[in-house]
Amino acid sequence: MQEPPLPDCGCALFFGFDGTLTDIAAQPGAVRVPAVVPQRLSLLVRALGGAVAVISGRAVAEVELKPRRASKGQAVRAFLDERPFRSRRPWVFGDDVTDEVAFETVLGLGGVAVKVGAGESLAPYRLADPAALHDWLQRAVQSLGAARATKVAQRRTCPAPCNRGTRT
């Protein structure tokens, strides 16, 4: 498997939490979020107009309440019906079996699935561990920032038809 490409402005990014953005911890209170994670996610939120979400797979007793048959795939589909996710290409990053339904969902929608860590997966892309994802996030922020700067420069120099269909 290979490392994922960098996203463009038409993407919506979905991340698992522990095991993906952070190292796995036995209890929610033991999770340690590296300082770079919220910083980079905030920059991505800004660059993608808010189309970034974190989806947890922890058990109900630990952190979340959800219907018995709810899945991360259903969560991604629900997000894609809402602004600012609507009409974007979904990308899902996850580390375990609870992410496989989301991987299947986004691949069926023409999106990108990225497995973080070891193990079999439907995801065609892979990052070794949360630290590798942190590095990828930095490159994604830089790439989206450069793309945004290019669009701004084009708007200043190109006639109006040049900018049709582009997002800001």
C-alpha atoms as a PDB file:
ATOM      1  CA  MET A   1       0.000   0.000   0.000  1.00  0.00           C
ATOM      2  CA  GLN A   2       1.104   3.523  -0.633  1.00  0.00           C
ATOM      3  CA  GLU A   3       0.946   6.868   1.110  1.00  0.00           C
ATOM      4  CA  PRO A   4      -2.111   8.945   0.168  1.00  0.00           C
ATOM      5  CA  PRO A   5      -1.834  11.887  -2.195  1.00  0.00           C
ATOM      6  CA  LEU A   6      -2.430  15.382  -0.863  1.00  0.00           C
ATOM      7  CA  PRO A   7      -6.016  16.683  -0.828  1.00  0.00           C
ATOM      8  CA  ASP A   8      -7.432  19.445  -2.975  1.00  0.00           C
ATOM      9  CA  CYS A   9      -9.969  22.135  -2.095  1.00  0.00           C
ATOM     10  CA  GLY A  10     -12.879  19.878  -3.103  1.00  0.00           C
ATOM     11  CA  CYS A  11     -12.256  17.325  -0.344  1.00  0.00           C
ATOM     12  CA  ALA A  12     -14.024  16.612   2.917  1.00  0.00           C
ATOM     13  CA  LEU A  13     -11.745  14.993   5.508  1.00  0.00           C
ATOM     14  CA  PHE A  14     -12.943  12.530   8.168  1.00  0.00           C
ATOM     15  CA  PHE A  15     -10.582  11.254  10.869  1.00  0.00           C
ATOM     16  CA  GLY A  16     -10.811   8.542  13.468  1.00  0.00           C
ATOM     17  CA  PHE A  17      -9.538   9.689  16.839  1.00  0.00           C
ATOM     18  CA  ASP A  18      -7.482   7.300  18.961  1.00  0.00           C
ATOM     19  CA  GLY A  19      -5.188   5.139  16.871  1.00  0.00           C
ATOM     20  CA  THR A  20      -5.485   7.625  14.012  1.00  0.00           C
ATOM     21  CA  LEU A  21      -4.983  11.205  15.245  1.00  0.00           C
ATOM     22  CA  THR A  22      -3.579  10.061  18.588  1.00  0.00           C
ATOM     23  CA  ASP A  23      -1.943   6.930  19.925  1.00  0.00           C
ATOM     24  CA  ILE A  24      -4.367   4.397  21.376  1.00  0.00           C
ATOM     25  CA  ALA A  25      -5.117   4.787  25.087  1.00  0.00           C
ATOM     26  CA  ALA A  26      -6.929   2.328  27.352  1.00  0.00           C
ATOM     27  CA  GLN A  27      -9.280   4.988  28.761  1.00  0.00           C
ATOM     28  CA  PRO A  28     -10.517   8.278  27.273  1.00  0.00           C
ATOM     29  CA  GLY A  29      -8.829  10.221  30.091  1.00  0.00           C
ATOM     30  CA  ALA A  30      -5.455   8.753  29.167  1.00  0.00           C
ATOM     31  CA  VAL A  31      -5.515  10.079  25.580  1.00  0.00           C
ATOM     32  CA  ARG A  32      -2.720  12.570  24.895  1.00  0.00           C
ATOM     33  CA  VAL A  33      -3.267  14.871  21.949  1.00  0.00           C
ATOM     34  CA  PRO A  34      -0.010  16.250  20.517  1.00  0.00           C
ATOM     35  CA  ALA A  35      -0.136  20.051  20.263  1.00  0.00           C
ATOM     36  CA  VAL A  36       0.334  19.904  16.473  1.00  0.00           C
ATOM     37  CA  VAL A  37      -2.926  18.008  15.955  1.00  0.00           C
ATOM     38  CA  PRO A  38      -5.462  20.732  16.888  1.00  0.00           C
ATOM     39  CA  GLN A  39      -3.295  23.357  15.192  1.00  0.00           C
ATOM     40  CA  ARG A  40      -3.129  21.457  11.910  1.00  0.00           C
ATOM     41  CA  LEU A  41      -6.792  20.461  12.033  1.00  0.00           C
ATOM     42  CA  SER A  42      -7.753  24.113  12.563  1.00  0.00           C
ATOM     43  CA  LEU A  43      -5.722  25.107   9.512  1.00  0.00           C
ATOM     44  CA  LEU A  44      -7.387  22.359   7.472  1.00  0.00           C
ATOM     45  CA  VAL A  45     -10.833  23.468   8.662  1.00  0.00           C
ATOM     46  CA  ARG A  46     -10.033  26.966   7.443  1.00  0.00           C
ATOM     47  CA  ALA A  47      -8.571  25.769   4.128  1.00  0.00           C
ATOM     48  CA  LEU A  48     -11.529  23.438   3.435  1.00  0.00           C
ATOM     49  CA  GLY A  49     -14.279  25.803   4.542  1.00  0.00           C
ATOM     50  CA  GLY A  50     -15.141  23.682   7.572  1.00  0.00           C
ATOM     51  CA  ALA A  51     -15.286  20.296   5.778  1.00  0.00           C
ATOM     52  CA  VAL A  52     -13.279  18.396   8.424  1.00  0.00           C
ATOM     53  CA  ALA A  53     -14.730  16.024  11.039  1.00  0.00           C
ATOM     54  CA  VAL A  54     -13.476  13.654  13.713  1.00  0.00           C
ATOM     55  CA  ILE A  55     -15.509  10.448  14.076  1.00  0.00           C
ATOM     56  CA  SER A  56     -14.968   8.297  17.161  1.00  0.00           C
ATOM     57  CA  GLY A  57     -15.475   4.565  17.357  1.00  0.00           C
ATOM     58  CA  ARG A  58     -15.272   4.190  21.139  1.00  0.00           C
ATOM     59  CA  ALA A  59     -17.931   2.185  22.916  1.00  0.00           C
ATOM     60  CA  VAL A  60     -21.111   3.874  24.139  1.00  0.00           C
ATOM     61  CA  ALA A  61     -20.124   3.519  27.797  1.00  0.00           C
ATOM     62  CA  GLU A  62     -16.879   5.339  27.134  1.00  0.00           C
ATOM     63  CA  VAL A  63     -17.700   8.368  25.050  1.00  0.00           C
ATOM     64  CA  GLU A  64     -20.716   8.396  22.747  1.00  0.00           C
ATOM     65  CA  LEU A  65     -24.337   7.452  22.351  1.00  0.00           C
ATOM     66  CA  LYS A  66     -25.415   6.067  18.996  1.00  0.00           C
ATOM     67  CA  PRO A  67     -28.029   3.639  17.664  1.00  0.00           C
ATOM     68  CA  ARG A  68     -26.955  -0.013  17.730  1.00  0.00           C
ATOM     69  CA  ARG A  69     -26.734  -0.239  13.925  1.00  0.00           C
ATOM     70  CA  ALA A  70     -25.028   3.111  13.385  1.00  0.00           C
ATOM     71  CA  SER A  71     -21.681   3.003  11.621  1.00  0.00           C
ATOM     72  CA  LYS A  72     -18.945   5.382  10.613  1.00  0.00           C
ATOM     73  CA  GLY A  73     -20.064   4.856   7.027  1.00  0.00           C
ATOM     74  CA  GLN A  74     -23.546   6.139   7.914  1.00  0.00           C
ATOM     75  CA  ALA A  75     -21.958   9.062   9.763  1.00  0.00           C
ATOM     76  CA  VAL A  76     -19.918  10.010   6.698  1.00  0.00           C
ATOM     77  CA  ARG A  77     -23.032   9.841   4.476  1.00  0.00           C
ATOM     78  CA  ALA A  78     -24.939  12.044   6.940  1.00  0.00           C
ATOM     79  CA  PHE A  79     -22.138  14.627   6.979  1.00  0.00           C
ATOM     80  CA  LEU A  80     -22.055  14.638   3.163  1.00  0.00           C
ATOM     81  CA  ASP A  81     -25.712  15.745   3.126  1.00  0.00           C
ATOM     82  CA  GLU A  82     -24.832  18.866   5.125  1.00  0.00           C
ATOM     83  CA  ARG A  83     -22.957  22.061   4.483  1.00  0.00           C
ATOM     84  CA  PRO A  84     -19.944  22.413   4.205  1.00  0.00           C
ATOM     85  CA  PHE A  85     -19.460  18.727   3.311  1.00  0.00           C
ATOM     86  CA  ARG A  86     -22.021  18.571   0.495  1.00  0.00           C
ATOM     87  CA  SER A  87     -20.643  18.017  -3.039  1.00  0.00           C
ATOM     88  CA  ARG A  88     -17.150  17.209  -1.788  1.00  0.00           C
ATOM     89  CA  ARG A  89     -15.015  14.115  -2.308  1.00  0.00           C
ATOM     90  CA  PRO A  90     -14.841  12.257   1.023  1.00  0.00           C
ATOM     91  CA  TRP A  91     -11.552  11.088   2.506  1.00  0.00           C
ATOM     92  CA  VAL A  92     -11.576   8.815   5.585  1.00  0.00           C
ATOM     93  CA  PHE A  93      -8.588   8.083   7.812  1.00  0.00           C
ATOM     94  CA  GLY A  94      -8.934   5.246  10.321  1.00  0.00           C
ATOM     95  CA  ASP A  95      -7.044   2.542  12.145  1.00  0.00           C
ATOM     96  CA  ASP A  96      -9.340  -0.364  12.972  1.00  0.00           C
ATOM     97  CA  VAL A  97     -12.219  -2.614  11.963  1.00  0.00           C
ATOM     98  CA  THR A  98     -14.807   0.055  12.874  1.00  0.00           C
ATOM     99  CA  ASP A  99     -13.395   2.167  10.034  1.00  0.00           C
ATOM    100  CA  GLU A 100     -13.783  -0.484   7.335  1.00  0.00           C
ATOM    101  CA  VAL A 101     -17.466   0.348   6.692  1.00  0.00           C
ATOM    102  CA  ALA A 102     -16.506   3.999   6.264  1.00  0.00           C
ATOM    103  CA  PHE A 103     -13.705   2.968   3.896  1.00  0.00           C
ATOM    104  CA  GLU A 104     -16.190   0.929   1.847  1.00  0.00           C
ATOM    105  CA  THR A 105     -18.640   3.849   1.833  1.00  0.00           C
ATOM    106  CA  VAL A 106     -16.164   6.479   0.628  1.00  0.00           C
ATOM    107  CA  LEU A 107     -14.613   4.181  -1.962  1.00  0.00           C
ATOM    108  CA  GLY A 108     -18.125   3.593  -3.326  1.00  0.00           C
ATOM    109  CA  LEU A 109     -18.568   7.361  -3.551  1.00  0.00           C
ATOM    110  CA  GLY A 110     -15.283   7.845  -5.416  1.00  0.00           C
ATOM    111  CA  GLY A 111     -13.481   8.996  -2.293  1.00  0.00           C
ATOM    112  CA  VAL A 112     -10.194   8.119  -0.621  1.00  0.00           C
ATOM    113  CA  ALA A 113      -9.654   5.619   2.213  1.00  0.00           C
ATOM    114  CA  VAL A 114      -6.484   5.678   4.313  1.00  0.00           C
ATOM    115  CA  LYS A 115      -5.557   3.009   6.872  1.00  0.00           C
ATOM    116  CA  VAL A 116      -3.379   4.261   9.730  1.00  0.00           C
ATOM    117  CA  GLY A 117      -1.255   1.454  11.171  1.00  0.00           C
ATOM    118  CA  ALA A 118      -0.886  -2.256  10.480  1.00  0.00           C
ATOM    119  CA  GLY A 119      -3.501  -4.819   9.529  1.00  0.00           C
ATOM    120  CA  GLU A 120      -5.615  -5.837   6.583  1.00  0.00           C
ATOM    121  CA  SER A 121      -7.865  -3.196   5.091  1.00  0.00           C
ATOM    122  CA  LEU A 122      -9.991  -2.203   2.131  1.00  0.00           C
ATOM    123  CA  ALA A 123      -8.138   1.120   2.132  1.00  0.00           C
ATOM    124  CA  PRO A 124      -5.766   1.451  -0.818  1.00  0.00           C
ATOM    125  CA  TYR A 125      -3.615   3.991   1.040  1.00  0.00           C
ATOM    126  CA  ARG A 126      -1.700   3.596   4.281  1.00  0.00           C
ATOM    127  CA  LEU A 127       0.175   5.669   6.841  1.00  0.00           C
ATOM    128  CA  ALA A 128       2.368   3.822   9.350  1.00  0.00           C
ATOM    129  CA  ASP A 129       1.055   5.415  12.558  1.00  0.00           C
ATOM    130  CA  PRO A 130      -0.415   8.616  14.042  1.00  0.00           C
ATOM    131  CA  ALA A 131       2.978  10.364  13.780  1.00  0.00           C
ATOM    132  CA  ALA A 132       3.008   9.676  10.024  1.00  0.00           C
ATOM    133  CA  LEU A 133      -0.503  11.149   9.829  1.00  0.00           C
ATOM    134  CA  HIS A 134       0.717  14.263  11.683  1.00  0.00           C
ATOM    135  CA  ASP A 135       3.433  14.693   9.033  1.00  0.00           C
ATOM    136  CA  TRP A 136       0.884  14.172   6.247  1.00  0.00           C
ATOM    137  CA  LEU A 137      -1.410  16.789   7.873  1.00  0.00           C
ATOM    138  CA  GLN A 138       1.433  19.317   7.738  1.00  0.00           C
ATOM    139  CA  ARG A 139       2.046  18.617   4.059  1.00  0.00           C
ATOM    140  CA  ALA A 140      -1.701  18.838   3.368  1.00  0.00           C
ATOM    141  CA  VAL A 141      -1.924  22.213   5.124  1.00  0.00           C
ATOM    142  CA  GLN A 142       1.013  23.504   3.083  1.00  0.00           C
ATOM    143  CA  SER A 143      -0.401  22.146  -0.170  1.00  0.00           C
ATOM    144  CA  LEU A 144      -3.875  23.594   0.410  1.00  0.00           C
ATOM    145  CA  GLY A 145      -2.338  26.922   1.428  1.00  0.00           C
ATOM    146  CA  ALA A 146      -0.310  27.040  -1.787  1.00  0.00           C
ATOM    147  CA  ALA A 147      -3.382  26.113  -3.854  1.00  0.00           C
ATOM    148  CA  ARG A 148      -5.404  28.848  -2.167  1.00  0.00           C
ATOM    149  CA  ALA A 149      -2.669  31.438  -2.799  1.00  0.00           C
ATOM    150  CA  THR A 150      -2.577  30.420  -6.467  1.00  0.00           C
ATOM    151  CA  LYS A 151      -6.349  30.861  -6.778  1.00  0.00           C
ATOM    152  CA  VAL A 152      -6.142  34.331  -5.236  1.00  0.00           C
ATOM    153  CA  ALA A 153      -3.362  35.289  -7.662  1.00  0.00           C
ATOM    154  CA  GLN A 154      -5.366  33.932 -10.613  1.00  0.00           C
ATOM    155  CA  ARG A 155      -8.398  35.986  -9.615  1.00  0.00           C
ATOM    156  CA  ARG A 156      -6.268  39.103  -9.722  1.00  0.00           C
ATOM    157  CA  THR A 157      -4.854  38.383 -13.177  1.00  0.00           C
ATOM    158  CA  CYS A 158      -7.439  36.256 -15.029  1.00  0.00           C
ATOM    159  CA  PRO A 159     -10.644  37.410 -16.678  1.00  0.00           C
ATOM    160  CA  ALA A 160     -13.861  36.227 -15.010  1.00  0.00           C
ATOM    161  CA  PRO A 161     -14.419  33.092 -17.202  1.00  0.00           C
ATOM    162  CA  CYS A 162     -11.091  31.716 -15.954  1.00  0.00           C
ATOM    163  CA  ASN A 163     -12.531  31.430 -12.449  1.00  0.00           C
ATOM    164  CA  ARG A 164     -15.847  29.717 -13.239  1.00  0.00           C
ATOM    165  CA  GLY A 165     -16.555  26.695 -11.103  1.00  0.00           C
ATOM    166  CA  THR A 166     -13.743  27.274  -8.643  1.00  0.00           C
ATOM    167  CA  ARG A 167     -14.286  27.379  -4.919  1.00  0.00           C
ATOM    168  CA  THR A 168     -12.778  29.887  -2.577  1.00  0.00           C
END
